[in-house]
Amino acid sequence: MATLELEKKQNIERLINVLAVAIPVVVAVLLGVRQKIDLGVWTTSLPHLNAGINSITSVTLILGLYFIKQRNVNAHRITMLISFVLGSLFLVSYVLYHLSNESTPFGGEGWIRPVYYFLLVSHILLSIVVVWFVLRAVYYALTEQFARHKAVVKWAYPIWLYVSVTGVVVYFLIKPYYNH
């Protein structure tokens, strides 16, 4: 029985590793598709939706930290699961936008240009890294492996919060250059 349980845990951890690599690779491949798919004009509003999703995610992440510091485990669990669902919705929306719309070039000049690109590049790189941490954190929490959950969250939380906040900042910096 213990061997079956260990094998099940190893399979789930293997799946997490595969997803943590597959998700960024699939997103990169989809973003690289030159021929855009016409999904309709509604997709032009997705960056605005994504900024809203990232904003709410930032708030729920902060609330999740607050609740766990208050030892309100149930509220913490709810806000963190909301964060996870929002992150998943963001990913779908982001892919749909980039499958159907060209990327918007940044038109800013002067000192803001390197600031924008620093935030954008760090946001993208850390959004790739955070997938592994978040999937593990959720798995450990749901399987009540709280010591492991706490250890991975030490890294997952600040990276995830940074990615959410910089996503909003990058959106506001590029928003004036959208054609729609």
C-alpha atoms as a PDB file:
ATOM      1  CA  MET A   1       0.000   0.000   0.000  1.00  0.00           C
ATOM      2  CA  ALA A   2       2.815   2.414   0.871  1.00  0.00           C
ATOM      3  CA  THR A   3       4.539   1.515  -2.419  1.00  0.00           C
ATOM      4  CA  LEU A   4       1.364   2.398  -4.351  1.00  0.00           C
ATOM      5  CA  GLU A   5       1.125   5.735  -2.532  1.00  0.00           C
ATOM      6  CA  LEU A   6       4.790   6.507  -3.246  1.00  0.00           C
ATOM      7  CA  GLU A   7       4.346   5.585  -6.900  1.00  0.00           C
ATOM      8  CA  LYS A   8       1.269   7.834  -7.136  1.00  0.00           C
ATOM      9  CA  LYS A   9       3.211  10.764  -5.624  1.00  0.00           C
ATOM     10  CA  GLN A  10       6.109  10.185  -8.010  1.00  0.00           C
ATOM     11  CA  ASN A  11       3.724  10.122 -10.973  1.00  0.00           C
ATOM     12  CA  ILE A  12       2.126  13.408  -9.902  1.00  0.00           C
ATOM     13  CA  GLU A  13       5.504  15.037  -9.370  1.00  0.00           C
ATOM     14  CA  ARG A  14       6.582  13.794 -12.800  1.00  0.00           C
ATOM     15  CA  LEU A  15       3.407  15.284 -14.290  1.00  0.00           C
ATOM     16  CA  ILE A  16       4.157  18.605 -12.589  1.00  0.00           C
ATOM     17  CA  ASN A  17       7.661  18.581 -14.089  1.00  0.00           C
ATOM     18  CA  VAL A  18       6.280  17.808 -17.552  1.00  0.00           C
ATOM     19  CA  LEU A  19       3.644  20.553 -17.286  1.00  0.00           C
ATOM     20  CA  ALA A  20       6.197  23.054 -15.987  1.00  0.00           C
ATOM     21  CA  VAL A  21       8.220  22.513 -19.164  1.00  0.00           C
ATOM     22  CA  ALA A  22       5.348  21.906 -21.598  1.00  0.00           C
ATOM     23  CA  ILE A  23       3.297  25.003 -20.720  1.00  0.00           C
ATOM     24  CA  PRO A  24       6.055  27.557 -21.471  1.00  0.00           C
ATOM     25  CA  VAL A  25       7.169  25.604 -24.560  1.00  0.00           C
ATOM     26  CA  VAL A  26       3.630  25.420 -25.959  1.00  0.00           C
ATOM     27  CA  VAL A  27       3.090  29.130 -25.238  1.00  0.00           C
ATOM     28  CA  ALA A  28       6.389  29.998 -26.966  1.00  0.00           C
ATOM     29  CA  VAL A  29       5.491  27.890 -29.996  1.00  0.00           C
ATOM     30  CA  LEU A  30       2.016  29.407 -30.209  1.00  0.00           C
ATOM     31  CA  LEU A  31       3.461  32.915 -29.890  1.00  0.00           C
ATOM     32  CA  GLY A  32       5.873  32.124 -32.706  1.00  0.00           C
ATOM     33  CA  VAL A  33       3.075  31.274 -35.117  1.00  0.00           C
ATOM     34  CA  ARG A  34       3.311  33.926 -37.837  1.00  0.00           C
ATOM     35  CA  GLN A  35      -0.067  33.190 -39.399  1.00  0.00           C
ATOM     36  CA  LYS A  36      -2.661  34.617 -37.028  1.00  0.00           C
ATOM     37  CA  ILE A  37      -6.035  32.958 -36.618  1.00  0.00           C
ATOM     38  CA  ASP A  38      -9.102  35.168 -36.980  1.00  0.00           C
ATOM     39  CA  LEU A  39     -11.028  34.554 -33.766  1.00  0.00           C
ATOM     40  CA  GLY A  40     -12.944  37.807 -34.059  1.00  0.00           C
ATOM     41  CA  VAL A  41     -12.566  41.414 -33.023  1.00  0.00           C
ATOM     42  CA  TRP A  42     -13.430  40.533 -29.412  1.00  0.00           C
ATOM     43  CA  THR A  43      -9.866  39.242 -28.969  1.00  0.00           C
ATOM     44  CA  THR A  44      -8.514  42.799 -29.232  1.00  0.00           C
ATOM     45  CA  SER A  45      -9.920  43.455 -25.742  1.00  0.00           C
ATOM     46  CA  LEU A  46      -8.041  40.537 -24.181  1.00  0.00           C
ATOM     47  CA  PRO A  47      -4.993  42.587 -23.054  1.00  0.00           C
ATOM     48  CA  HIS A  48      -7.361  44.723 -20.976  1.00  0.00           C
ATOM     49  CA  LEU A  49      -8.952  41.598 -19.516  1.00  0.00           C
ATOM     50  CA  ASN A  50      -5.498  40.167 -18.811  1.00  0.00           C
ATOM     51  CA  ALA A  51      -4.482  43.307 -16.920  1.00  0.00           C
ATOM     52  CA  GLY A  52      -7.637  42.963 -14.845  1.00  0.00           C
ATOM     53  CA  ILE A  53      -6.917  39.295 -14.177  1.00  0.00           C
ATOM     54  CA  ASN A  54      -3.331  40.119 -13.147  1.00  0.00           C
ATOM     55  CA  SER A  55      -4.574  42.932 -10.890  1.00  0.00           C
ATOM     56  CA  ILE A  56      -7.062  40.692  -9.124  1.00  0.00           C
ATOM     57  CA  THR A  57      -4.444  37.933  -8.874  1.00  0.00           C
ATOM     58  CA  SER A  58      -2.067  40.363  -7.168  1.00  0.00           C
ATOM     59  CA  VAL A  59      -4.776  41.259  -4.655  1.00  0.00           C
ATOM     60  CA  THR A  60      -5.715  37.630  -3.968  1.00  0.00           C
ATOM     61  CA  LEU A  61      -2.052  36.713  -3.508  1.00  0.00           C
ATOM     62  CA  ILE A  62      -1.626  39.491  -0.950  1.00  0.00           C
ATOM     63  CA  LEU A  63      -4.858  38.454   0.774  1.00  0.00           C
ATOM     64  CA  GLY A  64      -3.677  34.842   0.802  1.00  0.00           C
ATOM     65  CA  LEU A  65      -0.503  35.878   2.630  1.00  0.00           C
ATOM     66  CA  TYR A  66      -2.507  38.017   5.042  1.00  0.00           C
ATOM     67  CA  PHE A  67      -4.917  35.178   5.813  1.00  0.00           C
ATOM     68  CA  ILE A  68      -2.213  32.599   6.475  1.00  0.00           C
ATOM     69  CA  LYS A  69      -0.390  35.068   8.750  1.00  0.00           C
ATOM     70  CA  GLN A  70      -3.701  35.395  10.637  1.00  0.00           C
ATOM     71  CA  ARG A  71      -3.885  31.575  10.738  1.00  0.00           C
ATOM     72  CA  ASN A  72      -7.117  31.662   8.749  1.00  0.00           C
ATOM     73  CA  VAL A  73      -6.330  28.556   6.713  1.00  0.00           C
ATOM     74  CA  ASN A  74      -9.730  28.341   5.038  1.00  0.00           C
ATOM     75  CA  ALA A  75      -9.634  31.934   3.737  1.00  0.00           C
ATOM     76  CA  HIS A  76      -6.011  31.387   2.688  1.00  0.00           C
ATOM     77  CA  ARG A  77      -6.958  28.238   0.772  1.00  0.00           C
ATOM     78  CA  ILE A  78      -9.845  29.997  -0.993  1.00  0.00           C
ATOM     79  CA  THR A  79      -7.829  33.053  -2.021  1.00  0.00           C
ATOM     80  CA  MET A  80      -4.912  30.961  -3.243  1.00  0.00           C
ATOM     81  CA  LEU A  81      -7.186  28.679  -5.261  1.00  0.00           C
ATOM     82  CA  ILE A  82      -8.783  31.806  -6.757  1.00  0.00           C
ATOM     83  CA  SER A  83      -5.259  32.998  -7.636  1.00  0.00           C
ATOM     84  CA  PHE A  84      -4.534  29.661  -9.305  1.00  0.00           C
ATOM     85  CA  VAL A  85      -7.777  29.714 -11.313  1.00  0.00           C
ATOM     86  CA  LEU A  86      -7.131  33.320 -12.350  1.00  0.00           C
ATOM     87  CA  GLY A  87      -3.613  32.389 -13.456  1.00  0.00           C
ATOM     88  CA  SER A  88      -5.048  29.577 -15.557  1.00  0.00           C
ATOM     89  CA  LEU A  89      -7.642  31.895 -17.122  1.00  0.00           C
ATOM     90  CA  PHE A  90      -4.916  34.438 -17.820  1.00  0.00           C
ATOM     91  CA  LEU A  91      -2.865  31.814 -19.635  1.00  0.00           C
ATOM     92  CA  VAL A  92      -5.782  30.846 -21.888  1.00  0.00           C
ATOM     93  CA  SER A  93      -6.653  34.481 -22.595  1.00  0.00           C
ATOM     94  CA  TYR A  94      -3.015  35.388 -23.286  1.00  0.00           C
ATOM     95  CA  VAL A  95      -2.621  32.546 -25.779  1.00  0.00           C
ATOM     96  CA  LEU A  96      -5.914  33.406 -27.516  1.00  0.00           C
ATOM     97  CA  TYR A  97      -4.821  37.023 -27.904  1.00  0.00           C
ATOM     98  CA  HIS A  98      -1.420  36.188 -29.332  1.00  0.00           C
ATOM     99  CA  LEU A  99      -2.824  33.504 -31.640  1.00  0.00           C
ATOM    100  CA  SER A 100      -5.139  36.045 -33.198  1.00  0.00           C
ATOM    101  CA  ASN A 101      -3.301  39.386 -32.908  1.00  0.00           C
ATOM    102  CA  GLU A 102       0.147  40.723 -33.691  1.00  0.00           C
ATOM    103  CA  SER A 103       2.216  41.793 -30.697  1.00  0.00           C
ATOM    104  CA  THR A 104       2.101  45.516 -30.032  1.00  0.00           C
ATOM    105  CA  PRO A 105       5.501  47.188 -30.276  1.00  0.00           C
ATOM    106  CA  PHE A 106       6.500  49.513 -27.447  1.00  0.00           C
ATOM    107  CA  GLY A 107       6.737  53.086 -28.690  1.00  0.00           C
ATOM    108  CA  GLY A 108       8.187  54.773 -25.633  1.00  0.00           C
ATOM    109  CA  GLU A 109      11.478  56.627 -25.849  1.00  0.00           C
ATOM    110  CA  GLY A 110      14.103  57.863 -23.429  1.00  0.00           C
ATOM    111  CA  TRP A 111      14.612  56.454 -19.946  1.00  0.00           C
ATOM    112  CA  ILE A 112      11.273  54.604 -19.948  1.00  0.00           C
ATOM    113  CA  ARG A 113      12.352  52.305 -22.801  1.00  0.00           C
ATOM    114  CA  PRO A 114      15.003  50.339 -20.843  1.00  0.00           C
ATOM    115  CA  VAL A 115      12.711  50.301 -17.795  1.00  0.00           C
ATOM    116  CA  TYR A 116       9.915  48.802 -19.902  1.00  0.00           C
ATOM    117  CA  TYR A 117      12.162  46.164 -21.441  1.00  0.00           C
ATOM    118  CA  PHE A 118      13.711  45.250 -18.087  1.00  0.00           C
ATOM    119  CA  LEU A 119      10.247  44.763 -16.603  1.00  0.00           C
ATOM    120  CA  LEU A 120       9.023  42.869 -19.684  1.00  0.00           C
ATOM    121  CA  VAL A 121      12.002  40.499 -19.884  1.00  0.00           C
ATOM    122  CA  SER A 122      12.077  39.818 -16.127  1.00  0.00           C
ATOM    123  CA  HIS A 123       8.296  39.308 -16.191  1.00  0.00           C
ATOM    124  CA  ILE A 124       8.522  36.794 -19.049  1.00  0.00           C
ATOM    125  CA  LEU A 125      11.475  34.859 -17.615  1.00  0.00           C
ATOM    126  CA  LEU A 126       9.970  34.644 -14.147  1.00  0.00           C
ATOM    127  CA  SER A 127       6.545  33.690 -15.551  1.00  0.00           C
ATOM    128  CA  ILE A 128       8.252  30.649 -17.059  1.00  0.00           C
ATOM    129  CA  VAL A 129       9.987  29.743 -13.804  1.00  0.00           C
ATOM    130  CA  VAL A 130       6.968  30.274 -11.575  1.00  0.00           C
ATOM    131  CA  VAL A 131       4.884  27.556 -13.239  1.00  0.00           C
ATOM    132  CA  TRP A 132       6.913  24.779 -11.599  1.00  0.00           C
ATOM    133  CA  PHE A 133       6.780  26.430  -8.181  1.00  0.00           C
ATOM    134  CA  VAL A 134       3.047  27.166  -8.289  1.00  0.00           C
ATOM    135  CA  LEU A 135       2.102  23.675  -9.455  1.00  0.00           C
ATOM    136  CA  ARG A 136       4.178  22.169  -6.638  1.00  0.00           C
ATOM    137  CA  ALA A 137       2.797  24.585  -4.043  1.00  0.00           C
ATOM    138  CA  VAL A 138      -0.789  23.743  -5.009  1.00  0.00           C
ATOM    139  CA  TYR A 139      -0.069  20.005  -5.064  1.00  0.00           C
ATOM    140  CA  TYR A 140       1.633  20.048  -1.667  1.00  0.00           C
ATOM    141  CA  ALA A 141      -1.190  22.078  -0.154  1.00  0.00           C
ATOM    142  CA  LEU A 142      -3.930  19.870  -1.577  1.00  0.00           C
ATOM    143  CA  THR A 143      -2.144  16.723  -0.375  1.00  0.00           C
ATOM    144  CA  GLU A 144      -1.502  18.278   3.046  1.00  0.00           C
ATOM    145  CA  GLN A 145       2.279  18.111   2.713  1.00  0.00           C
ATOM    146  CA  PHE A 146       2.518  21.412   4.539  1.00  0.00           C
ATOM    147  CA  ALA A 147       6.254  21.401   5.293  1.00  0.00           C
ATOM    148  CA  ARG A 148       6.992  20.908   1.589  1.00  0.00           C
ATOM    149  CA  HIS A 149       4.289  23.440   0.685  1.00  0.00           C
ATOM    150  CA  LYS A 150       5.862  26.035   2.961  1.00  0.00           C
ATOM    151  CA  ALA A 151       9.352  25.367   1.551  1.00  0.00           C
ATOM    152  CA  VAL A 152       8.284  25.807  -2.084  1.00  0.00           C
ATOM    153  CA  VAL A 153       6.071  28.814  -1.325  1.00  0.00           C
ATOM    154  CA  LYS A 154       9.121  30.640  -0.012  1.00  0.00           C
ATOM    155  CA  TRP A 155      10.105  30.899  -3.700  1.00  0.00           C
ATOM    156  CA  ALA A 156       6.735  30.650  -5.442  1.00  0.00           C
ATOM    157  CA  TYR A 157       5.017  33.495  -3.647  1.00  0.00           C
ATOM    158  CA  PRO A 158       7.413  36.385  -4.315  1.00  0.00           C
ATOM    159  CA  ILE A 159       7.987  35.283  -7.909  1.00  0.00           C
ATOM    160  CA  TRP A 160       4.262  34.901  -8.576  1.00  0.00           C
ATOM    161  CA  LEU A 161       3.471  38.266  -6.990  1.00  0.00           C
ATOM    162  CA  TYR A 162       6.242  39.936  -9.017  1.00  0.00           C
ATOM    163  CA  VAL A 163       4.942  38.374 -12.245  1.00  0.00           C
ATOM    164  CA  SER A 164       1.376  39.491 -11.487  1.00  0.00           C
ATOM    165  CA  VAL A 165       2.320  43.055 -10.566  1.00  0.00           C
ATOM    166  CA  THR A 166       4.790  43.540 -13.428  1.00  0.00           C
ATOM    167  CA  GLY A 167       2.180  42.175 -15.829  1.00  0.00           C
ATOM    168  CA  VAL A 168      -0.059  45.100 -14.869  1.00  0.00           C
ATOM    169  CA  VAL A 169       2.801  47.628 -15.016  1.00  0.00           C
ATOM    170  CA  VAL A 170       3.879  46.382 -18.461  1.00  0.00           C
ATOM    171  CA  TYR A 171       0.263  46.607 -19.636  1.00  0.00           C
ATOM    172  CA  PHE A 172      -0.028  50.255 -18.561  1.00  0.00           C
ATOM    173  CA  LEU A 173       3.300  51.092 -20.166  1.00  0.00           C
ATOM    174  CA  ILE A 174       2.294  49.602 -23.525  1.00  0.00           C
ATOM    175  CA  LYS A 175      -1.411  50.518 -23.397  1.00  0.00           C
ATOM    176  CA  PRO A 176      -0.967  53.844 -25.259  1.00  0.00           C
ATOM    177  CA  TYR A 177       0.472  51.936 -28.239  1.00  0.00           C
ATOM    178  CA  TYR A 178      -2.444  49.544 -28.799  1.00  0.00           C
ATOM    179  CA  ASN A 179      -4.206  50.268 -32.094  1.00  0.00           C
ATOM    180  CA  HIS A 180      -7.598  49.534 -30.606  1.00  0.00           C
END
